[in-house]
Amino acid sequence: MFAVLKTGGKQYRVQSGDVLRVEKLAAAAGDTVQFNDILMVNATVGTPFVAGAGVQAEVIDQIKGDKVIHFVKRRRKHSSQRTKGHRQQLTLLRVTDILEKGAEKSGVMAAIGAGSAPAVAEAPKKAAPKKAAPKAEPKAEAPKKPEPKAEAPKKAAPKKAAPKADAAADDLKKLSGVGPALEKKLLAAGVTTFAQIAAWGDAEIAEFDEKLSFKGRIEREGWVEQAKALAAEKE
């Protein structure tokens, strides 16, 4: 007997006793989990899933996949390159049983991806019985209040002046891709000189990318290398 199950956005054809690696599940080694998204069992094809079918498996261990190297190089006037390594978190498990029917009554913990929690259905709330509206009694007319005096128009608050560069500040618009708008953002964040930008490391670049929503502009435009050259010219 074989089945085709779906987990972590992938499909796996399994038989009892098979050992496979799947996207990390929220389970510990030794736990038994059950996959309920079954696309096919033997000759029965689901629409999209086979009702009542399930695949049970025992978690062997939580492991990591092989390292994947991601290399990016940009050939421009201010070239840059970056290398990153990544190891995907996986769950190693052994298929113990394939159920054609009755999987929903097995009582085995459902296989759920790490970081997601099972949705708990809330019990329907009973509607409170409606009370009969009391009969409205005739109200005595209240004396008319004098009309309020028209208030004088409020003066508009003065607009805050944009942050001005200090006398000793550098012209940050000399950096590639920096215009008046980006210069204002940098000045507001306390960045006024080329020397400050030239001293940035990976942590500072990531901080300003997120803080000022530069979306990789710092590294893409090569601001650090430009700032070093401009600071040297200033000296």
C-alpha atoms as a PDB file:
ATOM      1  CA  MET A   1       0.000   0.000   0.000  1.00  0.00           C
ATOM      2  CA  PHE A   2       1.282   3.454  -0.866  1.00  0.00           C
ATOM      3  CA  ALA A   3       0.044   7.007  -0.400  1.00  0.00           C
ATOM      4  CA  VAL A   4       0.875  10.479  -1.665  1.00  0.00           C
ATOM      5  CA  LEU A   5       0.894  13.070   1.121  1.00  0.00           C
ATOM      6  CA  LYS A   6       1.362  16.838   1.108  1.00  0.00           C
ATOM      7  CA  THR A   7       3.387  18.789   3.683  1.00  0.00           C
ATOM      8  CA  GLY A   8       5.507  21.938   3.618  1.00  0.00           C
ATOM      9  CA  GLY A   9       4.307  22.748   0.092  1.00  0.00           C
ATOM     10  CA  LYS A  10       5.749  19.467  -1.281  1.00  0.00           C
ATOM     11  CA  GLN A  11       4.329  16.057  -2.170  1.00  0.00           C
ATOM     12  CA  TYR A  12       5.829  12.707  -1.099  1.00  0.00           C
ATOM     13  CA  ARG A  13       5.013   9.172  -2.281  1.00  0.00           C
ATOM     14  CA  VAL A  14       5.463   6.918   0.756  1.00  0.00           C
ATOM     15  CA  GLN A  15       5.044   3.321   1.912  1.00  0.00           C
ATOM     16  CA  SER A  16       5.086   1.843   5.377  1.00  0.00           C
ATOM     17  CA  GLY A  17       8.687   1.779   6.674  1.00  0.00           C
ATOM     18  CA  ASP A  18       9.976   4.592   4.429  1.00  0.00           C
ATOM     19  CA  VAL A  19      12.338   7.153   5.988  1.00  0.00           C
ATOM     20  CA  LEU A  20      12.032  10.680   4.621  1.00  0.00           C
ATOM     21  CA  ARG A  21      12.983  14.276   5.374  1.00  0.00           C
ATOM     22  CA  VAL A  22      10.278  16.946   5.378  1.00  0.00           C
ATOM     23  CA  GLU A  23      10.044  20.638   6.272  1.00  0.00           C
ATOM     24  CA  LYS A  24      10.462  21.083  10.042  1.00  0.00           C
ATOM     25  CA  LEU A  25       7.463  19.925  12.094  1.00  0.00           C
ATOM     26  CA  ALA A  26       6.413  21.055  15.563  1.00  0.00           C
ATOM     27  CA  ALA A  27       7.238  17.731  17.228  1.00  0.00           C
ATOM     28  CA  ALA A  28      10.022  16.160  19.285  1.00  0.00           C
ATOM     29  CA  ALA A  29      12.037  13.006  18.606  1.00  0.00           C
ATOM     30  CA  GLY A  30       9.983   9.927  19.491  1.00  0.00           C
ATOM     31  CA  ASP A  31       6.596  11.594  18.858  1.00  0.00           C
ATOM     32  CA  THR A  32       4.080  10.053  16.483  1.00  0.00           C
ATOM     33  CA  VAL A  33       2.407  12.445  14.069  1.00  0.00           C
ATOM     34  CA  GLN A  34      -0.289  12.035  11.447  1.00  0.00           C
ATOM     35  CA  PHE A  35      -0.459  13.669   8.004  1.00  0.00           C
ATOM     36  CA  ASN A  36      -4.072  14.340   7.024  1.00  0.00           C
ATOM     37  CA  ASP A  37      -3.549  16.014   3.621  1.00  0.00           C
ATOM     38  CA  ILE A  38      -3.516  12.809   1.548  1.00  0.00           C
ATOM     39  CA  LEU A  39      -3.765  13.261  -2.218  1.00  0.00           C
ATOM     40  CA  MET A  40      -3.869   9.581  -3.130  1.00  0.00           C
ATOM     41  CA  VAL A  41      -4.111   6.144  -1.477  1.00  0.00           C
ATOM     42  CA  ASN A  42      -3.443   3.213  -3.831  1.00  0.00           C
ATOM     43  CA  ALA A  43      -5.948   3.770  -6.672  1.00  0.00           C
ATOM     44  CA  THR A  44      -8.103   6.274  -4.786  1.00  0.00           C
ATOM     45  CA  VAL A  45      -7.460   9.855  -5.906  1.00  0.00           C
ATOM     46  CA  GLY A  46      -8.609  12.748  -3.714  1.00  0.00           C
ATOM     47  CA  THR A  47     -10.532  15.849  -4.766  1.00  0.00           C
ATOM     48  CA  PRO A  48      -8.151  17.319  -3.719  1.00  0.00           C
ATOM     49  CA  PHE A  49      -7.716  15.135  -0.578  1.00  0.00           C
ATOM     50  CA  VAL A  50      -8.927  11.622   0.201  1.00  0.00           C
ATOM     51  CA  ALA A  51     -11.588  11.866   2.928  1.00  0.00           C
ATOM     52  CA  GLY A  52     -10.734   9.935   6.101  1.00  0.00           C
ATOM     53  CA  ALA A  53      -7.235   8.941   4.906  1.00  0.00           C
ATOM     54  CA  GLY A  54      -4.037   9.596   6.846  1.00  0.00           C
ATOM     55  CA  VAL A  55      -0.357   8.673   7.094  1.00  0.00           C
ATOM     56  CA  GLN A  56       1.211   8.125  10.516  1.00  0.00           C
ATOM     57  CA  ALA A  57       4.933   8.500  11.108  1.00  0.00           C
ATOM     58  CA  GLU A  58       7.400   8.465  14.006  1.00  0.00           C
ATOM     59  CA  VAL A  59       9.735  11.446  14.409  1.00  0.00           C
ATOM     60  CA  ILE A  60      13.354  10.223  14.446  1.00  0.00           C
ATOM     61  CA  ASP A  61      15.177  13.538  14.847  1.00  0.00           C
ATOM     62  CA  GLN A  62      15.226  17.260  14.027  1.00  0.00           C
ATOM     63  CA  ILE A  63      18.082  17.843  11.551  1.00  0.00           C
ATOM     64  CA  LYS A  64      19.479  20.419   9.114  1.00  0.00           C
ATOM     65  CA  GLY A  65      19.889  20.000   5.373  1.00  0.00           C
ATOM     66  CA  ASP A  66      23.064  20.472   3.360  1.00  0.00           C
ATOM     67  CA  LYS A  67      24.523  23.981   3.242  1.00  0.00           C
ATOM     68  CA  VAL A  68      23.415  26.031   0.245  1.00  0.00           C
ATOM     69  CA  ILE A  69      25.700  28.871  -0.894  1.00  0.00           C
ATOM     70  CA  HIS A  70      24.059  32.006  -2.287  1.00  0.00           C
ATOM     71  CA  PHE A  71      26.453  34.306  -4.148  1.00  0.00           C
ATOM     72  CA  VAL A  72      25.472  37.681  -5.588  1.00  0.00           C
ATOM     73  CA  LYS A  73      27.762  39.951  -7.612  1.00  0.00           C
ATOM     74  CA  ARG A  74      26.816  43.271  -9.170  1.00  0.00           C
ATOM     75  CA  ARG A  75      29.074  44.537 -11.971  1.00  0.00           C
ATOM     76  CA  ARG A  76      28.748  48.299 -11.867  1.00  0.00           C
ATOM     77  CA  LYS A  77      30.840  51.370 -11.384  1.00  0.00           C
ATOM     78  CA  HIS A  78      30.759  50.654  -7.654  1.00  0.00           C
ATOM     79  CA  SER A  79      30.750  46.850  -7.810  1.00  0.00           C
ATOM     80  CA  SER A  80      29.746  44.706  -4.845  1.00  0.00           C
ATOM     81  CA  GLN A  81      29.519  41.038  -4.026  1.00  0.00           C
ATOM     82  CA  ARG A  82      27.974  39.048  -1.205  1.00  0.00           C
ATOM     83  CA  THR A  83      28.081  35.400  -0.135  1.00  0.00           C
ATOM     84  CA  LYS A  84      25.548  33.797   2.177  1.00  0.00           C
ATOM     85  CA  GLY A  85      25.186  30.255   3.489  1.00  0.00           C
ATOM     86  CA  HIS A  86      21.924  28.580   4.537  1.00  0.00           C
ATOM     87  CA  ARG A  87      20.971  25.203   6.036  1.00  0.00           C
ATOM     88  CA  GLN A  88      17.269  24.343   5.944  1.00  0.00           C
ATOM     89  CA  GLN A  89      15.757  22.933   9.145  1.00  0.00           C
ATOM     90  CA  LEU A  90      14.190  19.516   8.499  1.00  0.00           C
ATOM     91  CA  THR A  91      12.445  16.703  10.359  1.00  0.00           C
ATOM     92  CA  LEU A  92      13.601  13.104   9.838  1.00  0.00           C
ATOM     93  CA  LEU A  93      10.774  10.583  10.271  1.00  0.00           C
ATOM     94  CA  ARG A  94       9.785   6.985   9.547  1.00  0.00           C
ATOM     95  CA  VAL A  95       6.360   6.063   8.103  1.00  0.00           C
ATOM     96  CA  THR A  96       4.648   3.589  10.416  1.00  0.00           C
ATOM     97  CA  ASP A  97       1.113   3.209   9.067  1.00  0.00           C
ATOM     98  CA  ILE A  98      -1.137   4.237   6.168  1.00  0.00           C
ATOM     99  CA  LEU A  99      -4.849   4.598   6.949  1.00  0.00           C
ATOM    100  CA  GLU A 100      -7.386   4.481   4.140  1.00  0.00           C
ATOM    101  CA  LYS A 101     -10.285   5.385   6.457  1.00  0.00           C
ATOM    102  CA  GLY A 102     -10.902   6.584   9.994  1.00  0.00           C
ATOM    103  CA  ALA A 103      -7.828   8.779  10.316  1.00  0.00           C
ATOM    104  CA  GLU A 104      -9.878  11.516  11.979  1.00  0.00           C
ATOM    105  CA  LYS A 105     -10.685   9.128  14.872  1.00  0.00           C
ATOM    106  CA  SER A 106      -7.140   7.864  15.468  1.00  0.00           C
ATOM    107  CA  GLY A 107      -6.339  10.437  18.163  1.00  0.00           C
ATOM    108  CA  VAL A 108      -2.760  10.887  16.857  1.00  0.00           C
ATOM    109  CA  MET A 109      -1.291  14.416  16.898  1.00  0.00           C
ATOM    110  CA  ALA A 110      -1.581  16.137  13.522  1.00  0.00           C
ATOM    111  CA  ALA A 111       1.680  16.983  11.730  1.00  0.00           C
ATOM    112  CA  ILE A 112       1.980  20.771  11.856  1.00  0.00           C
ATOM    113  CA  GLY A 113       4.801  22.895  10.477  1.00  0.00           C
ATOM    114  CA  ALA A 114       7.067  24.593  13.026  1.00  0.00           C
ATOM    115  CA  GLY A 115       5.966  28.127  13.864  1.00  0.00           C
ATOM    116  CA  SER A 116       2.271  27.525  13.153  1.00  0.00           C
ATOM    117  CA  ALA A 117      -0.309  26.634  15.774  1.00  0.00           C
ATOM    118  CA  PRO A 118      -3.423  24.491  15.211  1.00  0.00           C
ATOM    119  CA  ALA A 119      -6.554  26.496  14.808  1.00  0.00           C
ATOM    120  CA  VAL A 120      -8.910  25.942  17.739  1.00  0.00           C
ATOM    121  CA  ALA A 121     -12.548  26.266  16.869  1.00  0.00           C
ATOM    122  CA  GLU A 122     -14.449  28.510  19.249  1.00  0.00           C
ATOM    123  CA  ALA A 123     -17.727  27.290  20.622  1.00  0.00           C
ATOM    124  CA  PRO A 124     -20.659  29.225  19.163  1.00  0.00           C
ATOM    125  CA  LYS A 125     -21.973  31.803  21.596  1.00  0.00           C
ATOM    126  CA  LYS A 126     -25.657  31.664  22.451  1.00  0.00           C
ATOM    127  CA  ALA A 127     -27.495  34.791  21.575  1.00  0.00           C
ATOM    128  CA  ALA A 128     -28.969  36.527  24.597  1.00  0.00           C
ATOM    129  CA  PRO A 129     -32.786  36.652  24.598  1.00  0.00           C
ATOM    130  CA  LYS A 130     -34.078  39.962  23.387  1.00  0.00           C
ATOM    131  CA  LYS A 131     -35.907  42.025  25.977  1.00  0.00           C
ATOM    132  CA  ALA A 132     -39.106  43.763  25.059  1.00  0.00           C
ATOM    133  CA  ALA A 133     -38.510  47.462  24.627  1.00  0.00           C
ATOM    134  CA  PRO A 134     -40.304  49.501  27.329  1.00  0.00           C
ATOM    135  CA  LYS A 135     -43.080  51.761  26.172  1.00  0.00           C
ATOM    136  CA  ALA A 136     -41.874  55.287  25.756  1.00  0.00           C
ATOM    137  CA  GLU A 137     -43.578  57.789  28.036  1.00  0.00           C
ATOM    138  CA  PRO A 138     -44.315  61.258  26.714  1.00  0.00           C
ATOM    139  CA  LYS A 139     -41.433  63.543  27.670  1.00  0.00           C
ATOM    140  CA  ALA A 140     -41.837  67.104  28.752  1.00  0.00           C
ATOM    141  CA  GLU A 141     -40.301  69.555  26.362  1.00  0.00           C
ATOM    142  CA  ALA A 142     -36.953  70.807  27.644  1.00  0.00           C
ATOM    143  CA  PRO A 143     -36.352  74.552  27.614  1.00  0.00           C
ATOM    144  CA  LYS A 144     -34.458  75.665  24.569  1.00  0.00           C
ATOM    145  CA  LYS A 145     -30.776  76.360  25.171  1.00  0.00           C
ATOM    146  CA  PRO A 146     -29.263  79.545  23.793  1.00  0.00           C
ATOM    147  CA  GLU A 147     -27.345  78.981  20.608  1.00  0.00           C
ATOM    148  CA  PRO A 148     -23.581  78.762  21.215  1.00  0.00           C
ATOM    149  CA  LYS A 149     -21.485  81.671  20.054  1.00  0.00           C
ATOM    150  CA  ALA A 150     -19.390  81.093  17.005  1.00  0.00           C
ATOM    151  CA  GLU A 151     -15.819  80.351  17.964  1.00  0.00           C
ATOM    152  CA  ALA A 152     -13.025  82.351  16.419  1.00  0.00           C
ATOM    153  CA  PRO A 153     -11.114  80.354  13.793  1.00  0.00           C
ATOM    154  CA  LYS A 154      -8.085  78.636  15.275  1.00  0.00           C
ATOM    155  CA  LYS A 155      -4.730  79.602  13.918  1.00  0.00           C
ATOM    156  CA  ALA A 156      -2.921  76.825  12.111  1.00  0.00           C
ATOM    157  CA  ALA A 157       0.056  75.461  14.013  1.00  0.00           C
ATOM    158  CA  PRO A 158       3.353  76.504  12.438  1.00  0.00           C
ATOM    159  CA  LYS A 159       4.955  73.770  10.380  1.00  0.00           C
ATOM    160  CA  LYS A 160       8.071  72.189  11.797  1.00  0.00           C
ATOM    161  CA  ALA A 161      11.137  73.198   9.893  1.00  0.00           C
ATOM    162  CA  ALA A 162      13.011  70.398   8.118  1.00  0.00           C
ATOM    163  CA  PRO A 163      16.285  69.397   9.808  1.00  0.00           C
ATOM    164  CA  LYS A 164      19.126  71.614   8.584  1.00  0.00           C
ATOM    165  CA  ALA A 165      22.637  70.395   8.032  1.00  0.00           C
ATOM    166  CA  ASP A 166      25.320  71.680  10.434  1.00  0.00           C
ATOM    167  CA  ALA A 167      27.962  74.031   9.128  1.00  0.00           C
ATOM    168  CA  ALA A 168      30.525  71.203   9.382  1.00  0.00           C
ATOM    169  CA  ALA A 169      28.239  68.695   7.639  1.00  0.00           C
ATOM    170  CA  ASP A 170      29.252  67.201   4.280  1.00  0.00           C
ATOM    171  CA  ASP A 171      27.182  67.442   1.103  1.00  0.00           C
ATOM    172  CA  LEU A 172      25.688  63.946   1.249  1.00  0.00           C
ATOM    173  CA  LYS A 173      24.103  64.444  -2.182  1.00  0.00           C
ATOM    174  CA  LYS A 174      27.515  63.604  -3.659  1.00  0.00           C
ATOM    175  CA  LEU A 175      26.768  59.952  -2.891  1.00  0.00           C
ATOM    176  CA  SER A 176      25.314  57.945  -5.770  1.00  0.00           C
ATOM    177  CA  GLY A 177      21.515  57.928  -5.689  1.00  0.00           C
ATOM    178  CA  VAL A 178      21.213  60.456  -2.822  1.00  0.00           C
ATOM    179  CA  GLY A 179      18.901  63.371  -3.533  1.00  0.00           C
ATOM    180  CA  PRO A 180      17.386  66.034  -1.266  1.00  0.00           C
ATOM    181  CA  ALA A 181      14.784  63.589   0.121  1.00  0.00           C
ATOM    182  CA  LEU A 182      17.327  60.913   1.105  1.00  0.00           C
ATOM    183  CA  GLU A 183      19.673  63.580   2.459  1.00  0.00           C
ATOM    184  CA  LYS A 184      16.899  64.809   4.799  1.00  0.00           C
ATOM    185  CA  LYS A 185      16.387  61.251   6.069  1.00  0.00           C
ATOM    186  CA  LEU A 186      20.088  60.831   6.770  1.00  0.00           C
ATOM    187  CA  LEU A 187      20.342  64.203   8.539  1.00  0.00           C
ATOM    188  CA  ALA A 188      17.283  63.390  10.664  1.00  0.00           C
ATOM    189  CA  ALA A 189      18.974  60.112  11.669  1.00  0.00           C
ATOM    190  CA  GLY A 190      22.102  62.014  12.769  1.00  0.00           C
ATOM    191  CA  VAL A 191      24.266  61.125   9.745  1.00  0.00           C
ATOM    192  CA  THR A 192      25.990  64.321   8.591  1.00  0.00           C
ATOM    193  CA  THR A 193      29.489  63.416   7.376  1.00  0.00           C
ATOM    194  CA  PHE A 194      31.157  61.046   4.926  1.00  0.00           C
ATOM    195  CA  ALA A 195      33.378  59.799   7.759  1.00  0.00           C
ATOM    196  CA  GLN A 196      30.329  58.399   9.581  1.00  0.00           C
ATOM    197  CA  ILE A 197      29.191  56.445   6.526  1.00  0.00           C
ATOM    198  CA  ALA A 198      32.738  55.268   5.754  1.00  0.00           C
ATOM    199  CA  ALA A 199      32.888  53.674   9.236  1.00  0.00           C
ATOM    200  CA  TRP A 200      29.697  51.643   8.761  1.00  0.00           C
ATOM    201  CA  GLY A 201      29.931  47.880   9.018  1.00  0.00           C
ATOM    202  CA  ASP A 202      27.386  45.159   8.179  1.00  0.00           C
ATOM    203  CA  ALA A 203      25.426  45.812  11.405  1.00  0.00           C
ATOM    204  CA  GLU A 204      25.100  49.560  10.767  1.00  0.00           C
ATOM    205  CA  ILE A 205      24.168  49.001   7.102  1.00  0.00           C
ATOM    206  CA  ALA A 206      21.415  46.559   8.097  1.00  0.00           C
ATOM    207  CA  GLU A 207      20.197  48.956  10.829  1.00  0.00           C
ATOM    208  CA  PHE A 208      19.886  51.948   8.490  1.00  0.00           C
ATOM    209  CA  ASP A 209      18.377  49.799   5.702  1.00  0.00           C
ATOM    210  CA  GLU A 210      15.548  48.822   8.057  1.00  0.00           C
ATOM    211  CA  LYS A 211      15.311  52.112   9.967  1.00  0.00           C
ATOM    212  CA  LEU A 212      15.096  54.355   6.886  1.00  0.00           C
ATOM    213  CA  SER A 213      13.540  51.812   4.446  1.00  0.00           C
ATOM    214  CA  PHE A 214      16.483  52.007   2.015  1.00  0.00           C
ATOM    215  CA  LYS A 215      15.766  48.443   0.762  1.00  0.00           C
ATOM    216  CA  GLY A 216      19.400  47.567   0.077  1.00  0.00           C
ATOM    217  CA  ARG A 217      20.293  50.912  -1.483  1.00  0.00           C
ATOM    218  CA  ILE A 218      23.371  51.386   0.756  1.00  0.00           C
ATOM    219  CA  GLU A 219      25.081  48.226  -0.451  1.00  0.00           C
ATOM    220  CA  ARG A 220      23.685  48.434  -3.988  1.00  0.00           C
ATOM    221  CA  GLU A 221      24.989  51.961  -4.586  1.00  0.00           C
ATOM    222  CA  GLY A 222      28.274  51.380  -2.727  1.00  0.00           C
ATOM    223  CA  TRP A 223      27.892  54.293  -0.326  1.00  0.00           C
ATOM    224  CA  VAL A 224      30.592  53.059   2.082  1.00  0.00           C
ATOM    225  CA  GLU A 225      33.295  52.926  -0.627  1.00  0.00           C
ATOM    226  CA  GLN A 226      32.193  56.312  -2.015  1.00  0.00           C
ATOM    227  CA  ALA A 227      32.194  57.876   1.473  1.00  0.00           C
ATOM    228  CA  LYS A 228      35.737  56.618   2.115  1.00  0.00           C
ATOM    229  CA  ALA A 229      36.961  58.216  -1.126  1.00  0.00           C
ATOM    230  CA  LEU A 230      35.107  61.502  -0.495  1.00  0.00           C
ATOM    231  CA  ALA A 231      36.346  61.674   3.111  1.00  0.00           C
ATOM    232  CA  ALA A 232      39.934  61.152   1.865  1.00  0.00           C
ATOM    233  CA  GLU A 233      39.527  63.979  -0.666  1.00  0.00           C
ATOM    234  CA  LYS A 234      38.207  66.273   2.069  1.00  0.00           C
ATOM    235  CA  GLU A 235      41.308  65.636   4.186  1.00  0.00           C
END
